[in-house]
N, C-alpha and C. Protein backbone atom coordinates (compact mmCIF):
# COMPACT_ATOMS: atom_id res chain seq x y z
N MET A 1 0.82 -1.17 0.00
CA MET A 1 0.00 0.00 0.00
C MET A 1 0.87 1.25 0.00
N ILE A 2 0.41 2.24 -0.68
CA ILE A 2 1.10 3.53 -0.71
C ILE A 2 0.09 4.59 -0.31
N THR A 3 0.33 5.24 0.81
CA THR A 3 -0.57 6.28 1.29
C THR A 3 0.06 7.63 1.00
N VAL A 4 -0.72 8.50 0.38
CA VAL A 4 -0.20 9.78 -0.10
C VAL A 4 -0.93 10.93 0.57
N TYR A 5 -0.16 11.93 0.97
CA TYR A 5 -0.73 13.19 1.44
C TYR A 5 -0.44 14.25 0.39
N LYS A 6 -1.48 14.93 -0.04
CA LYS A 6 -1.32 16.06 -0.95
C LYS A 6 -2.21 17.17 -0.43
N ALA A 7 -1.63 18.31 -0.19
CA ALA A 7 -2.32 19.40 0.52
C ALA A 7 -3.64 19.82 -0.11
N ASN A 8 -3.74 19.84 -1.42
CA ASN A 8 -4.97 20.33 -2.04
C ASN A 8 -6.05 19.25 -2.18
N VAL A 9 -5.81 18.05 -1.72
CA VAL A 9 -6.81 16.99 -1.74
C VAL A 9 -7.07 16.63 -0.28
N ASN A 10 -8.16 17.14 0.27
CA ASN A 10 -8.37 16.97 1.70
C ASN A 10 -9.78 16.57 2.08
N GLN A 11 -10.51 16.01 1.17
CA GLN A 11 -11.85 15.56 1.52
C GLN A 11 -12.16 14.25 0.82
N VAL A 12 -13.08 13.51 1.39
CA VAL A 12 -13.52 12.27 0.78
C VAL A 12 -14.50 12.64 -0.33
N ASP A 13 -13.98 12.63 -1.54
CA ASP A 13 -14.75 13.06 -2.70
C ASP A 13 -14.24 12.30 -3.92
N ALA A 14 -15.14 11.61 -4.60
CA ALA A 14 -14.73 10.80 -5.75
C ALA A 14 -14.05 11.63 -6.83
N GLU A 15 -14.55 12.83 -7.08
CA GLU A 15 -13.98 13.67 -8.12
C GLU A 15 -12.58 14.14 -7.75
N SER A 16 -12.37 14.52 -6.50
CA SER A 16 -11.04 14.94 -6.04
C SER A 16 -10.04 13.80 -6.16
N TYR A 17 -10.47 12.60 -5.76
CA TYR A 17 -9.58 11.44 -5.85
C TYR A 17 -9.24 11.15 -7.32
N LYS A 18 -10.24 11.21 -8.20
CA LYS A 18 -10.01 10.95 -9.62
C LYS A 18 -9.02 11.97 -10.20
N LYS A 19 -9.21 13.25 -9.89
CA LYS A 19 -8.28 14.28 -10.36
C LYS A 19 -6.87 14.02 -9.85
N PHE A 20 -6.77 13.64 -8.58
CA PHE A 20 -5.47 13.33 -8.00
C PHE A 20 -4.80 12.17 -8.75
N ILE A 21 -5.53 11.09 -8.99
CA ILE A 21 -4.98 9.92 -9.69
C ILE A 21 -4.58 10.28 -11.12
N ASP A 22 -5.42 11.05 -11.80
CA ASP A 22 -5.12 11.44 -13.18
C ASP A 22 -3.86 12.29 -13.28
N SER A 23 -3.58 13.07 -12.25
CA SER A 23 -2.40 13.95 -12.27
C SER A 23 -1.18 13.34 -11.59
N LEU A 24 -1.31 12.15 -11.06
CA LEU A 24 -0.24 11.52 -10.30
C LEU A 24 0.95 11.15 -11.18
N ASN A 25 2.13 11.57 -10.76
CA ASN A 25 3.37 11.17 -11.41
C ASN A 25 3.81 9.86 -10.76
N LEU A 26 3.73 8.76 -11.50
CA LEU A 26 4.05 7.45 -10.92
C LEU A 26 5.49 7.38 -10.42
N TYR A 27 6.38 8.19 -11.00
CA TYR A 27 7.78 8.19 -10.55
C TYR A 27 7.92 8.76 -9.14
N SER A 28 6.92 9.52 -8.69
CA SER A 28 6.98 10.09 -7.34
C SER A 28 6.68 9.05 -6.26
N LEU A 29 6.16 7.89 -6.66
CA LEU A 29 5.83 6.83 -5.70
C LEU A 29 7.06 5.99 -5.38
N ILE A 30 7.06 5.40 -4.19
CA ILE A 30 8.15 4.52 -3.75
C ILE A 30 7.55 3.17 -3.38
N CYS A 31 8.13 2.11 -3.87
CA CYS A 31 7.64 0.77 -3.57
C CYS A 31 7.93 0.43 -2.10
N PRO A 32 6.90 0.04 -1.34
CA PRO A 32 7.10 -0.33 0.06
C PRO A 32 7.97 -1.57 0.23
N LYS A 33 8.04 -2.39 -0.81
CA LYS A 33 8.78 -3.65 -0.73
C LYS A 33 10.25 -3.49 -1.10
N CYS A 34 10.55 -2.84 -2.24
CA CYS A 34 11.93 -2.79 -2.72
C CYS A 34 12.50 -1.37 -2.83
N LYS A 35 11.65 -0.37 -2.55
CA LYS A 35 12.05 1.05 -2.53
C LYS A 35 12.37 1.64 -3.91
N HIS A 36 12.01 0.97 -4.99
CA HIS A 36 12.22 1.52 -6.33
C HIS A 36 11.08 2.46 -6.71
N HIS A 37 11.27 3.19 -7.81
CA HIS A 37 10.30 4.19 -8.27
C HIS A 37 9.67 3.81 -9.62
N ASP A 38 9.88 2.63 -10.11
CA ASP A 38 9.44 2.25 -11.44
C ASP A 38 8.08 1.54 -11.39
N PHE A 39 6.99 2.29 -11.64
CA PHE A 39 5.64 1.74 -11.56
C PHE A 39 4.91 1.89 -12.88
N GLN A 40 3.90 1.04 -13.04
CA GLN A 40 2.94 1.25 -14.10
C GLN A 40 1.56 0.97 -13.52
N LYS A 41 0.55 1.60 -14.09
CA LYS A 41 -0.82 1.37 -13.63
C LYS A 41 -1.17 -0.08 -13.87
N HIS A 42 -1.81 -0.69 -12.88
CA HIS A 42 -2.11 -2.11 -12.96
C HIS A 42 -3.61 -2.39 -12.98
N GLY A 43 -4.40 -1.44 -12.55
CA GLY A 43 -5.85 -1.63 -12.53
C GLY A 43 -6.49 -0.79 -11.45
N TYR A 44 -7.78 -1.04 -11.24
CA TYR A 44 -8.55 -0.30 -10.25
C TYR A 44 -9.47 -1.26 -9.52
N TYR A 45 -9.87 -0.90 -8.34
CA TYR A 45 -10.96 -1.58 -7.65
C TYR A 45 -11.81 -0.51 -6.98
N THR A 46 -13.05 -0.83 -6.69
CA THR A 46 -13.91 0.17 -6.05
C THR A 46 -13.90 -0.04 -4.54
N ARG A 47 -14.03 1.06 -3.85
CA ARG A 47 -14.01 1.05 -2.39
C ARG A 47 -14.98 2.10 -1.89
N LYS A 48 -15.86 1.71 -0.99
CA LYS A 48 -16.82 2.64 -0.41
C LYS A 48 -16.22 3.18 0.89
N VAL A 49 -16.27 4.50 1.04
CA VAL A 49 -15.75 5.15 2.24
C VAL A 49 -16.86 6.00 2.83
N LYS A 50 -17.16 5.77 4.12
CA LYS A 50 -18.18 6.54 4.82
C LYS A 50 -17.53 7.73 5.49
N TYR A 51 -18.19 8.88 5.31
CA TYR A 51 -17.64 10.12 5.84
C TYR A 51 -18.78 11.05 6.19
N LYS A 52 -18.80 11.54 7.41
CA LYS A 52 -19.84 12.44 7.89
C LYS A 52 -21.21 11.92 7.52
N LYS A 53 -21.97 12.70 6.75
CA LYS A 53 -23.34 12.31 6.47
C LYS A 53 -23.51 11.67 5.10
N HIS A 54 -22.45 11.14 4.55
CA HIS A 54 -22.56 10.50 3.24
C HIS A 54 -21.47 9.43 3.09
N SER A 55 -21.61 8.65 2.07
CA SER A 55 -20.55 7.71 1.71
C SER A 55 -20.25 7.91 0.23
N VAL A 56 -19.01 7.63 -0.14
CA VAL A 56 -18.61 7.79 -1.54
C VAL A 56 -17.97 6.49 -2.01
N THR A 57 -18.11 6.24 -3.28
CA THR A 57 -17.45 5.09 -3.88
C THR A 57 -16.27 5.63 -4.68
N LEU A 58 -15.09 5.15 -4.33
CA LEU A 58 -13.87 5.59 -5.01
C LEU A 58 -13.34 4.46 -5.88
N ARG A 59 -12.73 4.84 -6.97
CA ARG A 59 -12.05 3.90 -7.85
C ARG A 59 -10.57 3.95 -7.47
N ILE A 60 -10.13 2.99 -6.67
CA ILE A 60 -8.78 2.98 -6.11
C ILE A 60 -7.79 2.44 -7.15
N LEU A 61 -6.74 3.20 -7.37
CA LEU A 61 -5.70 2.80 -8.32
C LEU A 61 -4.78 1.75 -7.70
N ARG A 62 -4.46 0.73 -8.50
CA ARG A 62 -3.43 -0.25 -8.13
C ARG A 62 -2.28 -0.04 -9.11
N VAL A 63 -1.07 -0.06 -8.56
CA VAL A 63 0.13 0.08 -9.39
C VAL A 63 1.00 -1.15 -9.21
N LYS A 64 1.82 -1.42 -10.23
CA LYS A 64 2.72 -2.57 -10.18
C LYS A 64 4.15 -2.06 -10.24
N CYS A 65 4.96 -2.49 -9.30
CA CYS A 65 6.38 -2.15 -9.31
C CYS A 65 7.05 -3.02 -10.37
N MET A 66 7.71 -2.38 -11.30
CA MET A 66 8.34 -3.12 -12.39
C MET A 66 9.64 -3.79 -11.94
N SER A 67 10.15 -3.41 -10.78
CA SER A 67 11.38 -4.01 -10.26
C SER A 67 11.09 -5.34 -9.55
N CYS A 68 10.17 -5.31 -8.56
CA CYS A 68 9.90 -6.52 -7.78
C CYS A 68 8.58 -7.20 -8.14
N LYS A 69 7.81 -6.59 -9.06
CA LYS A 69 6.55 -7.12 -9.59
C LYS A 69 5.42 -7.16 -8.56
N SER A 70 5.58 -6.51 -7.41
CA SER A 70 4.50 -6.47 -6.42
C SER A 70 3.50 -5.38 -6.81
N THR A 71 2.26 -5.53 -6.36
CA THR A 71 1.23 -4.53 -6.65
C THR A 71 0.83 -3.83 -5.35
N HIS A 72 0.44 -2.57 -5.49
CA HIS A 72 0.09 -1.76 -4.34
C HIS A 72 -1.09 -0.86 -4.67
N ALA A 73 -1.96 -0.66 -3.69
CA ALA A 73 -3.05 0.31 -3.83
C ALA A 73 -2.49 1.69 -3.49
N VAL A 74 -2.99 2.70 -4.17
CA VAL A 74 -2.60 4.08 -3.89
C VAL A 74 -3.78 4.74 -3.18
N LEU A 75 -3.58 5.06 -1.91
CA LEU A 75 -4.63 5.64 -1.08
C LEU A 75 -4.26 7.05 -0.67
N LEU A 76 -5.26 7.90 -0.55
CA LEU A 76 -5.03 9.21 0.03
C LEU A 76 -5.08 9.07 1.55
N TYR A 77 -4.44 9.99 2.24
CA TYR A 77 -4.23 9.87 3.68
C TYR A 77 -5.50 9.72 4.50
N PHE A 78 -6.63 10.17 4.02
CA PHE A 78 -7.86 10.10 4.81
C PHE A 78 -8.57 8.75 4.68
N ILE A 79 -8.01 7.83 3.90
CA ILE A 79 -8.58 6.49 3.75
C ILE A 79 -7.82 5.55 4.69
N VAL A 80 -8.55 4.92 5.59
CA VAL A 80 -7.94 3.97 6.51
C VAL A 80 -8.02 2.59 5.87
N PRO A 81 -6.87 1.95 5.63
CA PRO A 81 -6.89 0.63 5.01
C PRO A 81 -7.75 -0.37 5.80
N TYR A 82 -8.52 -1.15 5.09
CA TYR A 82 -9.37 -2.20 5.64
C TYR A 82 -10.50 -1.67 6.50
N SER A 83 -10.81 -0.40 6.40
CA SER A 83 -11.93 0.19 7.15
C SER A 83 -12.85 0.89 6.16
N GLN A 84 -14.14 0.84 6.45
CA GLN A 84 -15.09 1.54 5.59
C GLN A 84 -15.26 3.00 6.00
N TYR A 85 -14.59 3.41 7.08
CA TYR A 85 -14.74 4.77 7.59
C TYR A 85 -13.50 5.61 7.32
N ALA A 86 -13.74 6.87 7.00
CA ALA A 86 -12.64 7.81 6.76
C ALA A 86 -11.91 8.10 8.07
N LEU A 87 -10.68 8.56 7.95
CA LEU A 87 -9.84 8.86 9.12
C LEU A 87 -10.54 9.81 10.08
N GLU A 88 -11.20 10.84 9.57
CA GLU A 88 -11.87 11.80 10.44
C GLU A 88 -12.98 11.17 11.26
N VAL A 89 -13.65 10.16 10.71
CA VAL A 89 -14.70 9.46 11.44
C VAL A 89 -14.09 8.72 12.63
N HIS A 90 -12.97 8.06 12.41
CA HIS A 90 -12.28 7.38 13.50
C HIS A 90 -11.89 8.36 14.60
N LEU A 91 -11.28 9.46 14.20
CA LEU A 91 -10.84 10.45 15.18
C LEU A 91 -12.01 11.03 15.96
N LYS A 92 -13.08 11.34 15.26
CA LYS A 92 -14.26 11.92 15.93
C LYS A 92 -14.85 10.95 16.95
N ALA A 93 -14.93 9.68 16.58
CA ALA A 93 -15.46 8.67 17.51
C ALA A 93 -14.57 8.54 18.74
N LEU A 94 -13.28 8.61 18.56
CA LEU A 94 -12.34 8.43 19.68
C LEU A 94 -12.22 9.68 20.54
N GLN A 95 -12.44 10.84 19.97
CA GLN A 95 -12.32 12.08 20.73
C GLN A 95 -13.57 12.37 21.56
N SER A 96 -14.67 11.73 21.24
CA SER A 96 -15.89 11.95 22.03
C SER A 96 -15.89 11.00 23.22
N ASP A 97 -16.58 11.41 24.28
CA ASP A 97 -16.71 10.48 25.39
C ASP A 97 -17.96 9.65 25.15
N PHE A 98 -18.13 8.57 25.91
CA PHE A 98 -19.18 7.61 25.61
C PHE A 98 -20.59 8.17 25.74
N LEU A 99 -20.89 8.95 26.76
CA LEU A 99 -22.26 9.36 26.98
C LEU A 99 -22.56 10.78 26.54
N ASN A 100 -21.78 11.72 26.98
CA ASN A 100 -22.09 13.13 26.73
C ASN A 100 -22.05 13.50 25.27
N LYS A 101 -21.17 12.90 24.52
CA LYS A 101 -21.00 13.34 23.13
C LYS A 101 -21.60 12.38 22.10
N PHE A 102 -22.19 11.26 22.55
CA PHE A 102 -22.73 10.32 21.58
C PHE A 102 -23.84 10.96 20.76
N ILE A 103 -24.64 11.81 21.37
CA ILE A 103 -25.69 12.51 20.64
C ILE A 103 -25.07 13.42 19.59
N ASP A 104 -24.01 14.14 19.97
CA ASP A 104 -23.30 14.98 19.00
C ASP A 104 -22.76 14.14 17.85
N TRP A 105 -22.25 12.95 18.17
CA TRP A 105 -21.72 12.04 17.17
C TRP A 105 -22.79 11.68 16.14
N ILE A 106 -23.97 11.32 16.62
CA ILE A 106 -25.05 10.92 15.72
C ILE A 106 -25.46 12.10 14.83
N GLU A 107 -25.52 13.29 15.41
CA GLU A 107 -25.88 14.46 14.61
C GLU A 107 -24.80 14.77 13.57
N TRP A 108 -23.54 14.59 13.94
CA TRP A 108 -22.43 14.87 13.02
C TRP A 108 -22.37 13.84 11.91
N ASN A 109 -22.70 12.60 12.25
CA ASN A 109 -22.50 11.52 11.31
C ASN A 109 -23.69 10.56 11.32
N GLU A 110 -24.78 10.95 10.72
CA GLU A 110 -26.00 10.15 10.72
C GLU A 110 -25.84 8.80 10.03
N GLU A 111 -24.89 8.69 9.12
CA GLU A 111 -24.70 7.45 8.36
C GLU A 111 -24.14 6.31 9.21
N ILE A 112 -23.53 6.64 10.33
CA ILE A 112 -22.82 5.62 11.10
C ILE A 112 -23.58 5.32 12.39
N ASN A 113 -23.94 4.06 12.55
CA ASN A 113 -24.78 3.68 13.67
C ASN A 113 -24.00 3.48 14.97
N GLU A 114 -24.74 3.22 16.02
CA GLU A 114 -24.15 3.06 17.35
C GLU A 114 -23.17 1.90 17.39
N TYR A 115 -23.50 0.79 16.73
CA TYR A 115 -22.60 -0.36 16.71
C TYR A 115 -21.24 0.04 16.13
N SER A 116 -21.24 0.77 15.04
CA SER A 116 -20.00 1.19 14.39
C SER A 116 -19.19 2.10 15.30
N TYR A 117 -19.88 2.99 15.99
CA TYR A 117 -19.23 3.90 16.93
C TYR A 117 -18.46 3.10 17.99
N TYR A 118 -19.12 2.11 18.58
CA TYR A 118 -18.48 1.31 19.62
C TYR A 118 -17.42 0.37 19.03
N TYR A 119 -17.64 -0.09 17.80
CA TYR A 119 -16.65 -0.94 17.14
C TYR A 119 -15.34 -0.18 16.93
N ILE A 120 -15.42 1.05 16.45
CA ILE A 120 -14.22 1.87 16.26
C ILE A 120 -13.48 2.02 17.58
N ARG A 121 -14.23 2.30 18.63
CA ARG A 121 -13.62 2.49 19.95
C ARG A 121 -12.97 1.20 20.46
N SER A 122 -13.62 0.06 20.22
CA SER A 122 -13.04 -1.21 20.68
C SER A 122 -11.79 -1.58 19.88
N GLN A 123 -11.78 -1.28 18.58
CA GLN A 123 -10.59 -1.54 17.77
C GLN A 123 -9.42 -0.67 18.24
N PHE A 124 -9.72 0.55 18.61
CA PHE A 124 -8.69 1.43 19.15
C PHE A 124 -8.12 0.84 20.44
N GLN A 125 -8.98 0.42 21.35
CA GLN A 125 -8.52 -0.17 22.61
C GLN A 125 -7.65 -1.41 22.36
N LYS A 126 -8.06 -2.21 21.42
CA LYS A 126 -7.39 -3.49 21.15
C LYS A 126 -6.05 -3.31 20.43
N TYR A 127 -5.98 -2.41 19.45
CA TYR A 127 -4.81 -2.33 18.60
C TYR A 127 -3.97 -1.05 18.72
N TRP A 128 -4.58 0.06 19.13
CA TRP A 128 -3.86 1.33 19.00
C TRP A 128 -3.59 2.08 20.30
N LYS A 129 -4.36 1.86 21.33
CA LYS A 129 -4.19 2.64 22.56
C LYS A 129 -2.77 2.52 23.11
N GLU A 130 -2.28 1.31 23.27
CA GLU A 130 -0.93 1.10 23.83
C GLU A 130 0.15 1.65 22.91
N ARG A 131 -0.04 1.53 21.61
CA ARG A 131 0.93 2.09 20.66
C ARG A 131 1.07 3.60 20.86
N LEU A 132 -0.06 4.28 20.94
CA LEU A 132 -0.02 5.73 21.10
C LEU A 132 0.58 6.13 22.44
N ILE A 133 0.23 5.41 23.49
CA ILE A 133 0.79 5.70 24.81
C ILE A 133 2.30 5.50 24.80
N SER A 134 2.76 4.43 24.15
CA SER A 134 4.20 4.14 24.13
C SER A 134 5.01 5.23 23.45
N GLU A 135 4.39 5.96 22.52
CA GLU A 135 5.09 7.02 21.81
C GLU A 135 4.63 8.43 22.24
N SER A 136 3.83 8.48 23.30
CA SER A 136 3.29 9.75 23.82
C SER A 136 2.57 10.55 22.74
N MET A 137 1.77 9.88 21.94
CA MET A 137 1.02 10.54 20.86
C MET A 137 -0.38 10.89 21.33
N ARG A 138 -0.91 11.96 20.78
CA ARG A 138 -2.25 12.44 21.09
C ARG A 138 -3.14 12.34 19.85
N LEU A 139 -4.44 12.24 20.10
CA LEU A 139 -5.41 12.21 19.00
C LEU A 139 -5.54 13.61 18.42
N ASN A 140 -5.09 13.79 17.20
CA ASN A 140 -5.22 15.06 16.50
C ASN A 140 -5.25 14.79 14.99
N PRO A 141 -5.64 15.75 14.19
CA PRO A 141 -5.77 15.52 12.74
C PRO A 141 -4.48 15.10 12.04
N ASP A 142 -3.31 15.43 12.60
CA ASP A 142 -2.04 15.04 11.98
C ASP A 142 -1.46 13.75 12.55
N LEU A 143 -2.24 13.02 13.32
CA LEU A 143 -1.77 11.79 13.95
C LEU A 143 -1.26 10.78 12.93
N PHE A 144 -1.89 10.75 11.75
CA PHE A 144 -1.49 9.77 10.74
C PHE A 144 -0.01 9.91 10.38
N LYS A 145 0.53 11.12 10.36
CA LYS A 145 1.95 11.32 10.04
C LYS A 145 2.84 10.67 11.08
N SER A 146 2.51 10.88 12.34
CA SER A 146 3.29 10.28 13.44
C SER A 146 3.20 8.76 13.42
N CYS A 147 2.04 8.23 13.09
CA CYS A 147 1.86 6.77 13.05
C CYS A 147 2.69 6.14 11.95
N PHE A 148 2.76 6.80 10.81
CA PHE A 148 3.61 6.27 9.74
C PHE A 148 5.08 6.31 10.16
N LYS A 149 5.47 7.39 10.79
CA LYS A 149 6.87 7.54 11.21
C LYS A 149 7.25 6.47 12.25
N SER A 150 6.38 6.24 13.21
CA SER A 150 6.70 5.31 14.30
C SER A 150 6.36 3.85 14.00
N PHE A 151 5.27 3.61 13.26
CA PHE A 151 4.78 2.24 13.09
C PHE A 151 4.68 1.77 11.64
N SER A 152 4.92 2.64 10.68
CA SER A 152 4.74 2.34 9.25
C SER A 152 3.33 1.84 8.95
N LEU A 153 2.36 2.42 9.65
CA LEU A 153 0.95 2.09 9.46
C LEU A 153 0.13 3.37 9.50
N GLN A 154 -0.98 3.37 8.78
CA GLN A 154 -1.96 4.45 8.91
C GLN A 154 -2.62 4.29 10.27
N PHE A 155 -2.95 5.39 10.93
CA PHE A 155 -3.66 5.31 12.20
C PHE A 155 -4.95 4.53 12.01
N MET A 156 -5.20 3.59 12.88
CA MET A 156 -6.36 2.69 12.90
C MET A 156 -6.30 1.62 11.81
N GLN A 157 -5.17 1.47 11.13
CA GLN A 157 -4.98 0.35 10.21
C GLN A 157 -4.76 -0.88 11.07
N ILE A 158 -5.60 -1.88 10.94
CA ILE A 158 -5.55 -3.05 11.80
C ILE A 158 -4.60 -4.11 11.26
N LYS A 159 -4.68 -4.42 9.98
CA LYS A 159 -3.76 -5.41 9.40
C LYS A 159 -2.40 -4.77 9.19
N CYS A 160 -1.37 -5.49 9.54
CA CYS A 160 0.00 -4.97 9.43
C CYS A 160 0.57 -5.21 8.03
N THR A 161 -0.13 -4.75 7.02
CA THR A 161 0.32 -4.83 5.64
C THR A 161 1.30 -3.70 5.38
N ARG A 162 2.32 -3.97 4.58
CA ARG A 162 3.28 -2.91 4.24
C ARG A 162 2.57 -1.68 3.74
N ASN A 163 2.94 -0.55 4.30
CA ASN A 163 2.31 0.71 3.92
C ASN A 163 3.38 1.78 4.02
N ILE A 164 3.51 2.58 2.99
CA ILE A 164 4.51 3.64 2.99
C ILE A 164 3.80 4.96 2.82
N PHE A 165 4.27 5.99 3.49
CA PHE A 165 3.65 7.31 3.47
C PHE A 165 4.51 8.26 2.64
N LEU A 166 3.84 8.95 1.71
CA LEU A 166 4.53 9.95 0.89
C LEU A 166 3.78 11.27 0.98
N SER A 167 4.50 12.35 1.16
CA SER A 167 3.90 13.67 1.14
C SER A 167 4.35 14.32 -0.16
N LEU A 168 3.38 14.60 -1.03
CA LEU A 168 3.68 15.18 -2.34
C LEU A 168 3.43 16.67 -2.30
N SER A 169 4.27 17.43 -2.97
CA SER A 169 4.06 18.87 -3.06
C SER A 169 2.90 19.14 -4.00
N THR A 170 2.28 20.30 -3.86
CA THR A 170 1.12 20.64 -4.69
C THR A 170 1.49 20.98 -6.10
């Protein structure tokens, strides 16, 4: 997996993602497996991402490293691998307390039910709480950068699949 941050692409929007993919310089990517820059487009798959009061279906680009022949999905930083929820949804669920803010949560994000709210919180307790404590990290919108630096994973990524973070200039 290759997770990319680009300053002018900051929302879960199919059109923004498509524009980003269409303008992507494949040479700017780095293979998580062999660290080479030689890629070609390999295909697409669709992925539904829930965000605030809507969900979007994105056409996720897969690229193939011509050096080691491995394939990788190209994700924008707000997409949490193996989760149907955007990064901001995870952060919002974790920053609220269980009782006082649950009503605010439902108003902010009508698409996501109570079960999902508690599921996100339980996944955090199970996989991420100790990691963040060990590195003295706090829940904030830039947490994903620190998680890549310390763990080579997107925040709330549960499967430990190779993932590399790239910050591209605008």
